């Protein structure tokens, strides 16, 4: 991994979490590098090509532009298209750079692939192109715009939604004149995370990103988002412990991985709402007698927070209760995906443990619903629960 790839990987790792970012993945058949960075979160795949190109001044700017385009842009999108063909054909296995682990690639029929080129060393006179060069839309960013994008869109969902919206806007035949990617991002955010649809041609004023960044409501949003990183911390904590093979119950890590994948798909705003509910349930803000809480996220996933009063707990018994509560919740709220998180009541300076459970049931028969209702009444899970609604503003007043 060279210096430029290390920089980009570090940025991706902090945004998409280390669980799904792979640097210099290797093809098993010929031991050649597939691409520079691969981000996989089923069904999404982001293929990233990094080119650090410095063109010496020839005295003719047009010659310099042609040389830079060939080495920084053309070689990059050719690498991206080549990697995509291999991933879609699924004829060769993809390994981590040390060739120790197999990288799981989603089924071809589910794949949603996005192509990113990072051009480092670009001169101001060299425009960053984007669009369909041969076989699909490619986004090009430089060493300045890419960190800003991933700092602002620092979840897989927020980032994917932006590049999807950008693709839809330009593929539809609309056009925008802008000086920097961050100004385009500012237009997107100011439009409620959408690009204008009433106009075919837009001219974006320079430095509107700087104006947006300086607004008080933008800073209030950032301040409120600090709590949301509790959600990221839970995901990363599980990954770190798993990588060290220290998870107490890791015989079926598939269920844990599915739980973490669902959690990682929550947007930053959704994570803020979920983290707020989680912290309240465990007693972070003060005394809480909540034993279990059921919350439905913005993307429809049901989350169960199960709180244990004691430091030393019977983990197997807690996991069993968590699994049963997830099944009951699936019957209460008609949403197929349920994630359970069990932990201890919050004590400042005290330790904690986590258990995860994942349930995915697209359909429930009438017989199954009856049995789940009987189980709910027998066990008393969420029988006398209180329903409440809370309103959150992404940009607090």
Protein backbone atom coordinates (compact mmCIF):
# COMPACT_ATOMS: atom_id res chain seq x y z
CA UNK A 1 0.00 0.00 0.00
CA UNK A 2 1.58 3.27 -1.10
CA UNK A 3 1.21 6.63 0.68
CA UNK A 4 -1.76 7.87 -1.36
CA UNK A 5 -3.65 4.58 -0.97
CA UNK A 6 -2.99 4.66 2.77
CA UNK A 7 -4.47 8.16 3.02
CA UNK A 8 -7.63 7.17 1.15
CA UNK A 9 -7.98 3.90 3.06
CA UNK A 10 -7.69 5.71 6.38
CA UNK A 11 -10.49 8.05 5.32
CA UNK A 12 -12.69 5.14 4.16
CA UNK A 13 -11.99 3.15 7.32
CA UNK A 14 -13.13 5.98 9.57
CA UNK A 15 -16.30 6.49 7.50
CA UNK A 16 -17.41 3.03 6.44
CA UNK A 17 -15.80 1.26 9.43
CA UNK A 18 -12.96 -1.19 9.13
CA UNK A 19 -15.34 -4.14 8.97
CA UNK A 20 -16.13 -3.54 5.30
CA UNK A 21 -13.08 -1.76 3.84
CA UNK A 22 -10.34 -3.76 2.11
CA UNK A 23 -7.13 -2.30 0.72
CA UNK A 24 -5.40 -3.93 -2.28
CA UNK A 25 -7.62 -7.04 -2.46
CA UNK A 26 -6.07 -9.92 -4.44
CA UNK A 27 -7.49 -12.22 -7.10
CA UNK A 28 -6.98 -15.82 -6.07
CA UNK A 29 -6.50 -17.13 -9.63
CA UNK A 30 -3.48 -15.02 -10.62
CA UNK A 31 -2.53 -13.26 -7.33
CA UNK A 32 -2.95 -9.85 -9.03
CA UNK A 33 -4.42 -6.82 -7.33
CA UNK A 34 -8.13 -6.34 -8.12
CA UNK A 35 -8.29 -2.64 -7.24
CA UNK A 36 -6.85 -0.21 -4.71
CA UNK A 37 -9.71 -0.19 -2.19
CA UNK A 38 -12.89 -2.26 -2.03
CA UNK A 39 -15.81 -1.38 0.26
CA UNK A 40 -18.44 -4.11 0.63
CA UNK A 41 -21.66 -3.88 2.59
CA UNK A 42 -24.17 -6.25 1.00
CA UNK A 43 -25.63 -5.41 -1.47
CA UNK A 44 -23.38 -2.36 -1.98
CA UNK A 45 -19.90 -2.50 -3.43
CA UNK A 46 -17.77 0.61 -3.87
CA UNK A 47 -14.72 0.09 -6.08
CA UNK A 48 -12.06 2.75 -5.53
CA UNK A 49 -9.07 3.43 -7.77
CA UNK A 50 -6.38 5.81 -6.47
CA UNK A 51 -3.94 7.54 -8.80
CA UNK A 52 -1.20 9.85 -7.52
CA UNK A 53 -0.05 11.59 -10.70
CA UNK A 54 2.17 14.65 -10.95
CA UNK A 55 2.68 15.92 -14.50
CA UNK A 56 5.80 17.95 -15.15
CA UNK A 57 5.22 21.27 -16.91
CA UNK A 58 5.87 20.87 -20.63
CA UNK A 59 5.21 24.47 -21.50
CA UNK A 60 2.00 23.50 -23.31
CA UNK A 61 -1.00 23.26 -20.97
CA UNK A 62 -3.03 21.25 -23.50
CA UNK A 63 -0.30 18.62 -23.71
CA UNK A 64 -0.16 18.50 -19.88
CA UNK A 65 -3.94 18.04 -19.69
CA UNK A 66 -3.85 15.15 -22.18
CA UNK A 67 -1.04 13.43 -20.31
CA UNK A 68 -2.80 13.86 -16.98
CA UNK A 69 -6.13 12.61 -18.34
CA UNK A 70 -4.51 9.49 -19.78
CA UNK A 71 -2.60 8.58 -16.62
CA UNK A 72 -4.95 9.79 -13.87
CA UNK A 73 -8.41 9.39 -15.42
CA UNK A 74 -8.32 6.82 -18.20
CA UNK A 75 -6.16 4.30 -16.36
CA UNK A 76 -8.37 4.72 -13.32
CA UNK A 77 -11.71 4.07 -15.01
CA UNK A 78 -10.24 1.16 -16.96
CA UNK A 79 -9.15 -0.40 -13.68
CA UNK A 80 -12.60 0.18 -12.19
CA UNK A 81 -14.44 -1.38 -15.12
CA UNK A 82 -12.04 -4.35 -15.12
CA UNK A 83 -12.59 -4.97 -11.40
CA UNK A 84 -16.34 -4.74 -11.87
CA UNK A 85 -16.31 -7.38 -14.64
CA UNK A 86 -14.41 -9.79 -12.39
CA UNK A 87 -16.75 -9.21 -9.46
CA UNK A 88 -19.85 -9.70 -11.61
CA UNK A 89 -18.55 -12.85 -13.31
CA UNK A 90 -17.80 -14.33 -9.90
CA UNK A 91 -15.34 -16.75 -11.54
CA UNK A 92 -12.48 -16.09 -9.15
CA UNK A 93 -12.34 -15.67 -5.42
CA UNK A 94 -11.16 -12.37 -3.93
CA UNK A 95 -8.75 -12.45 -1.00
CA UNK A 96 -7.49 -9.86 1.48
CA UNK A 97 -4.10 -8.34 0.63
CA UNK A 98 -2.28 -10.79 2.94
CA UNK A 99 -4.15 -13.65 1.16
CA UNK A 100 -5.28 -15.07 4.51
CA UNK A 101 -9.01 -14.42 4.27
CA UNK A 102 -11.70 -14.75 1.63
CA UNK A 103 -13.77 -11.62 0.98
CA UNK A 104 -17.46 -12.45 0.69
CA UNK A 105 -18.93 -10.96 -2.50
CA UNK A 106 -22.75 -10.54 -2.68
CA UNK A 107 -24.63 -12.50 -5.34
CA UNK A 108 -24.50 -10.90 -8.79
CA UNK A 109 -28.28 -10.41 -8.97
CA UNK A 110 -28.14 -8.38 -5.73
CA UNK A 111 -25.02 -6.34 -6.53
CA UNK A 112 -25.21 -2.56 -6.54
CA UNK A 113 -21.81 -1.33 -7.70
CA UNK A 114 -20.48 2.22 -7.51
CA UNK A 115 -17.18 3.36 -9.07
CA UNK A 116 -14.93 5.98 -7.49
CA UNK A 117 -11.69 7.42 -8.85
CA UNK A 118 -9.43 9.44 -6.53
CA UNK A 119 -6.97 11.69 -8.38
CA UNK A 120 -4.17 12.97 -6.19
CA UNK A 121 -1.72 15.57 -7.45
CA UNK A 122 -4.25 17.31 -9.69
CA UNK A 123 -3.47 20.83 -10.83
CA UNK A 124 -6.17 23.48 -10.71
CA UNK A 125 -6.25 23.65 -14.52
CA UNK A 126 -7.07 19.94 -14.78
CA UNK A 127 -10.84 19.43 -14.61
CA UNK A 128 -12.21 16.39 -12.79
CA UNK A 129 -14.56 14.62 -15.19
CA UNK A 130 -17.41 12.28 -14.23
CA UNK A 131 -20.05 10.28 -16.04
CA UNK A 132 -20.28 7.17 -18.19
CA UNK A 133 -16.89 6.70 -19.88
CA UNK A 134 -17.50 3.18 -21.25
CA UNK A 135 -19.48 0.87 -18.97
CA UNK A 136 -21.19 2.82 -16.21
CA UNK A 137 -21.06 6.06 -14.24
CA UNK A 138 -17.70 6.90 -12.61
CA UNK A 139 -17.25 9.57 -9.93
CA UNK A 140 -13.88 11.32 -9.72
CA UNK A 141 -12.74 13.23 -6.63
CA UNK A 142 -9.41 14.73 -5.59
CA UNK A 143 -7.50 14.77 -2.30
CA UNK A 144 -9.45 17.83 -1.16
CA UNK A 145 -13.05 16.97 -2.06
CA UNK A 146 -13.03 13.30 -1.04
CA UNK A 147 -12.24 13.89 2.67
CA UNK A 148 -14.91 16.61 2.82
CA UNK A 149 -17.48 14.25 1.28
CA UNK A 150 -16.73 11.42 3.68
CA UNK A 151 -16.56 13.71 6.68
CA UNK A 152 -20.05 14.97 5.89
CA UNK A 153 -21.50 11.71 4.49
CA UNK A 154 -19.82 9.38 6.95
CA UNK A 155 -22.10 6.37 6.74
CA UNK A 156 -22.45 3.94 3.84
CA UNK A 157 -26.10 4.99 3.42
CA UNK A 158 -25.48 8.75 3.41
CA UNK A 159 -22.61 8.41 0.94
CA UNK A 160 -24.46 6.03 -1.40
CA UNK A 161 -27.58 8.21 -1.39
CA UNK A 162 -25.51 11.21 -2.48
CA UNK A 163 -23.77 9.51 -5.39
CA UNK A 164 -27.06 7.87 -6.45
CA UNK A 165 -28.75 11.28 -6.48
CA UNK A 166 -25.84 12.75 -8.43
CA UNK A 167 -26.02 9.96 -11.01
CA UNK A 168 -29.80 10.36 -11.41
CA UNK A 169 -29.45 14.12 -11.85
CA UNK A 170 -26.82 14.03 -14.59
CA UNK A 171 -28.02 10.86 -16.34
CA UNK A 172 -31.46 12.48 -16.71
CA UNK A 173 -29.88 15.07 -18.99
CA UNK A 174 -29.70 17.90 -16.48
CA UNK A 175 -26.50 19.86 -16.02
CA UNK A 176 -24.81 21.94 -13.36
CA UNK A 177 -21.85 24.28 -13.53
CA UNK A 178 -19.79 24.17 -10.34
CA UNK A 179 -16.22 24.78 -9.27
CA UNK A 180 -15.83 22.13 -6.56
CA UNK A 181 -17.49 18.91 -5.45
CA UNK A 182 -18.16 20.37 -2.01
CA UNK A 183 -20.25 23.16 -3.60
CA UNK A 184 -22.31 20.49 -5.36
CA UNK A 185 -22.66 18.72 -2.01
CA UNK A 186 -23.87 21.96 -0.41
CA UNK A 187 -26.60 22.26 -3.07
CA UNK A 188 -27.66 18.67 -2.33
CA UNK A 189 -27.81 19.21 1.44
CA UNK A 190 -29.58 22.55 1.12
CA UNK A 191 -32.23 20.87 -1.04
CA UNK A 192 -33.12 18.38 1.69
CA UNK A 193 -30.64 15.82 0.30
CA UNK A 194 -31.99 16.19 -3.20
CA UNK A 195 -30.90 18.03 -6.32
CA UNK A 196 -33.30 20.57 -7.92
CA UNK A 197 -35.70 18.94 -10.36
CA UNK A 198 -37.37 22.02 -11.86
CA UNK A 199 -34.36 23.23 -13.84
CA UNK A 200 -32.37 21.57 -16.61
CA UNK A 201 -29.31 23.76 -16.14
CA UNK A 202 -27.99 25.12 -12.85
CA UNK A 203 -25.11 27.44 -12.07
CA UNK A 204 -23.80 26.94 -8.53
CA UNK A 205 -22.15 29.92 -6.89
CA UNK A 206 -18.58 29.32 -5.74
CA UNK A 207 -17.92 28.82 -2.02
CA UNK A 208 -21.52 27.99 -1.07
CA UNK A 209 -20.09 25.05 0.87
CA UNK A 210 -18.13 27.52 3.01
CA UNK A 211 -21.33 29.52 3.59
CA UNK A 212 -23.27 26.41 4.59
CA UNK A 213 -20.46 25.23 6.87
CA UNK A 214 -20.50 28.56 8.72
CA UNK A 215 -24.25 28.57 9.43
CA UNK A 216 -25.27 28.17 13.08
CA UNK A 217 -27.86 25.47 12.32
CA UNK A 218 -25.16 23.42 10.60
CA UNK A 219 -23.00 23.58 13.74
CA UNK A 220 -25.99 22.72 15.95
CA UNK A 221 -26.59 19.63 13.82
CA UNK A 222 -22.96 18.58 14.17
CA UNK A 223 -23.18 19.07 17.93
CA UNK A 224 -26.31 16.91 18.15
CA UNK A 225 -24.68 14.22 16.03
CA UNK A 226 -21.94 13.59 18.59
CA UNK A 227 -24.23 11.19 20.47
CA UNK A 228 -24.82 9.18 17.29
CA UNK A 229 -21.25 7.88 17.37
CA UNK A 230 -22.26 5.61 20.24
CA UNK A 231 -23.85 3.54 17.47
CA UNK A 232 -20.57 3.41 15.53
CA UNK A 233 -18.71 2.50 18.71
CA UNK A 234 -20.90 -0.57 19.30
CA UNK A 235 -20.29 -1.79 15.74
CA UNK A 236 -16.54 -1.19 15.91
CA UNK A 237 -16.27 -2.76 19.37
CA UNK A 238 -17.77 -6.00 18.08
CA UNK A 239 -15.46 -5.98 15.08
CA UNK A 240 -12.33 -5.41 17.15
CA UNK A 241 -13.22 -8.18 19.59
CA UNK A 242 -14.06 -10.55 16.74
CA UNK A 243 -10.78 -9.81 14.96
CA UNK A 244 -8.97 -10.71 18.17
CA UNK A 245 -11.16 -13.84 18.48
CA UNK A 246 -12.29 -12.65 21.90
CA UNK A 247 -16.07 -12.80 21.44
CA UNK A 248 -17.52 -15.03 24.15
CA UNK A 249 -20.17 -16.51 21.89
CA UNK A 250 -18.74 -16.57 18.38
CA UNK A 251 -19.81 -20.01 17.17
CA UNK A 252 -22.37 -18.37 14.87
CA UNK A 253 -20.76 -15.10 13.86
CA UNK A 254 -23.00 -14.94 10.80
CA UNK A 255 -25.86 -13.64 12.96
CA UNK A 256 -23.58 -11.06 14.58
CA UNK A 257 -22.31 -9.93 11.18
CA UNK A 258 -25.89 -9.56 9.90
CA UNK A 259 -26.75 -7.47 12.95
CA UNK A 260 -23.77 -5.20 12.42
CA UNK A 261 -24.52 -4.85 8.72
CA UNK A 262 -28.07 -3.75 9.49
CA UNK A 263 -26.82 -1.29 12.10
CA UNK A 264 -24.23 0.11 9.69
CA UNK A 265 -26.90 0.88 7.09
CA UNK A 266 -28.54 3.44 9.35
CA UNK A 267 -27.91 7.01 8.24
CA UNK A 268 -26.19 9.51 10.52
CA UNK A 269 -29.53 11.13 11.39
CA UNK A 270 -31.09 7.74 12.11
CA UNK A 271 -28.11 6.78 14.28
CA UNK A 272 -28.60 9.97 16.25
CA UNK A 273 -32.23 9.05 16.99
CA UNK A 274 -31.37 5.42 17.82
CA UNK A 275 -28.40 6.34 20.02
CA UNK A 276 -30.54 8.84 21.93
CA UNK A 277 -33.12 6.14 22.63
CA UNK A 278 -30.42 3.61 23.58
CA UNK A 279 -28.65 5.98 25.98
CA UNK A 280 -31.94 6.88 27.62
CA UNK A 281 -32.84 3.20 28.04
CA UNK A 282 -29.57 2.22 29.73
CA UNK A 283 -29.78 5.18 32.14
CA UNK A 284 -27.04 7.36 30.71
CA UNK A 285 -29.07 10.53 31.34
CA UNK A 286 -30.24 9.51 34.80
CA UNK A 287 -32.16 6.78 36.59
CA UNK A 288 -33.94 4.43 34.22
CA UNK A 289 -36.09 1.41 35.08
CA UNK A 290 -36.58 0.33 31.49
CA UNK A 291 -36.05 -3.43 31.13
CA UNK A 292 -36.51 -3.54 27.38
CA UNK A 293 -37.30 -1.04 24.66
CA UNK A 294 -38.53 -1.53 21.11
CA UNK A 295 -37.65 1.11 18.48
CA UNK A 296 -38.23 1.21 14.73
CA UNK A 297 -35.58 3.02 12.72
CA UNK A 298 -36.12 5.34 9.78
CA UNK A 299 -35.28 2.53 7.35
CA UNK A 300 -37.84 0.21 8.99
CA UNK A 301 -35.58 -2.10 11.01
CA UNK A 302 -36.86 -2.94 14.50
CA UNK A 303 -34.34 -2.68 17.34
CA UNK A 304 -34.73 -4.27 20.76
CA UNK A 305 -32.68 -2.86 23.64
CA UNK A 306 -32.53 -5.32 26.55
CA UNK A 307 -31.04 -3.90 29.75
CA UNK A 308 -29.55 -6.04 32.52
CA UNK A 309 -29.27 -4.63 36.04
CA UNK A 310 -26.19 -6.62 37.06
CA UNK A 311 -22.53 -6.58 36.03
CA UNK A 312 -22.24 -10.37 36.21
CA UNK A 313 -24.95 -11.97 34.11
CA UNK A 314 -25.83 -15.35 32.67
CA UNK A 315 -25.00 -14.50 29.06
CA UNK A 316 -26.72 -17.56 27.60
CA UNK A 317 -29.92 -16.77 29.45
CA UNK A 318 -29.72 -13.15 28.33
CA UNK A 319 -29.22 -14.14 24.71
CA UNK A 320 -32.21 -16.49 24.86
CA UNK A 321 -34.41 -13.73 26.25
CA UNK A 322 -33.13 -11.33 23.58
CA UNK A 323 -33.97 -13.84 20.82
CA UNK A 324 -37.48 -14.38 22.17
CA UNK A 325 -38.10 -10.64 22.48
CA UNK A 326 -36.98 -10.19 18.86
CA UNK A 327 -39.55 -12.77 17.73
CA UNK A 328 -42.29 -11.08 19.75
CA UNK A 329 -41.34 -7.69 18.30
CA UNK A 330 -41.55 -9.07 14.77
CA UNK A 331 -45.17 -9.98 15.47
CA UNK A 332 -45.99 -6.60 17.03
CA UNK A 333 -44.52 -4.43 14.27
CA UNK A 334 -44.94 -5.76 10.76
CA UNK A 335 -41.33 -5.30 9.63
CA UNK A 336 -39.20 -8.29 8.60
CA UNK A 337 -35.83 -7.28 10.10
CA UNK A 338 -35.22 -7.24 13.85
CA UNK A 339 -31.91 -6.57 15.63
CA UNK A 340 -31.53 -7.17 19.35
CA UNK A 341 -28.88 -5.47 21.52
CA UNK A 342 -28.47 -6.59 25.13
CA UNK A 343 -26.22 -4.74 27.57
CA UNK A 344 -25.86 -3.65 31.20
CA UNK A 345 -27.42 -0.72 33.00
CA UNK A 346 -25.12 2.31 32.73
CA UNK A 347 -22.82 3.01 35.68
CA UNK A 348 -20.26 5.77 35.26
CA UNK A 349 -16.82 4.21 35.19
CA UNK A 350 -18.31 0.72 35.14
CA UNK A 351 -17.84 -1.96 32.52
CA UNK A 352 -20.36 -3.41 30.12
CA UNK A 353 -20.96 -6.35 27.80
CA UNK A 354 -22.97 -6.60 24.60
CA UNK A 355 -24.94 -9.40 22.98
CA UNK A 356 -26.49 -9.22 19.52
CA UNK A 357 -29.35 -11.07 17.91
CA UNK A 358 -30.63 -10.93 14.33
CA UNK A 359 -34.01 -12.05 13.00
CA UNK A 360 -35.25 -11.80 9.43
CA UNK A 361 -38.75 -13.10 8.72
CA UNK A 362 -40.32 -11.70 5.52
CA UNK A 363 -43.65 -13.40 6.22
CA UNK A 364 -45.55 -14.79 9.22
CA UNK A 365 -48.35 -17.30 8.86
CA UNK A 366 -51.52 -16.90 10.91
CA UNK A 367 -50.50 -19.98 12.90
CA UNK A 368 -47.08 -18.49 13.66
CA UNK A 369 -48.62 -15.19 14.72
CA UNK A 370 -50.95 -16.97 17.12
CA UNK A 371 -48.08 -18.88 18.70
CA UNK A 372 -45.99 -15.73 19.04
CA UNK A 373 -48.91 -13.91 20.69
CA UNK A 374 -49.34 -16.78 23.15
CA UNK A 375 -45.61 -16.71 23.91
CA UNK A 376 -45.75 -12.95 24.42
CA UNK A 377 -48.57 -13.26 26.95
CA UNK A 378 -46.94 -16.20 28.75
CA UNK A 379 -43.58 -14.41 29.11
CA UNK A 380 -45.00 -10.93 29.59
CA UNK A 381 -42.75 -9.36 26.94
CA UNK A 382 -44.01 -5.90 25.89
CA UNK A 383 -47.49 -6.73 27.23
CA UNK A 384 -48.01 -3.47 29.11
CA UNK A 385 -45.61 -1.41 27.04
CA UNK A 386 -46.10 2.33 26.60
CA UNK A 387 -45.91 3.82 23.13
CA UNK A 388 -44.31 7.22 22.66
CA UNK A 389 -43.27 9.39 19.72
CA UNK A 390 -40.41 11.87 19.66
CA UNK A 391 -39.66 14.53 17.08
CA UNK A 392 -36.12 15.20 15.92
CA UNK A 393 -34.94 17.95 13.56
CA UNK A 394 -31.85 17.24 11.49
CA UNK A 395 -31.01 20.93 11.79
CA UNK A 396 -32.15 21.86 15.32
CA UNK A 397 -33.56 25.33 15.84
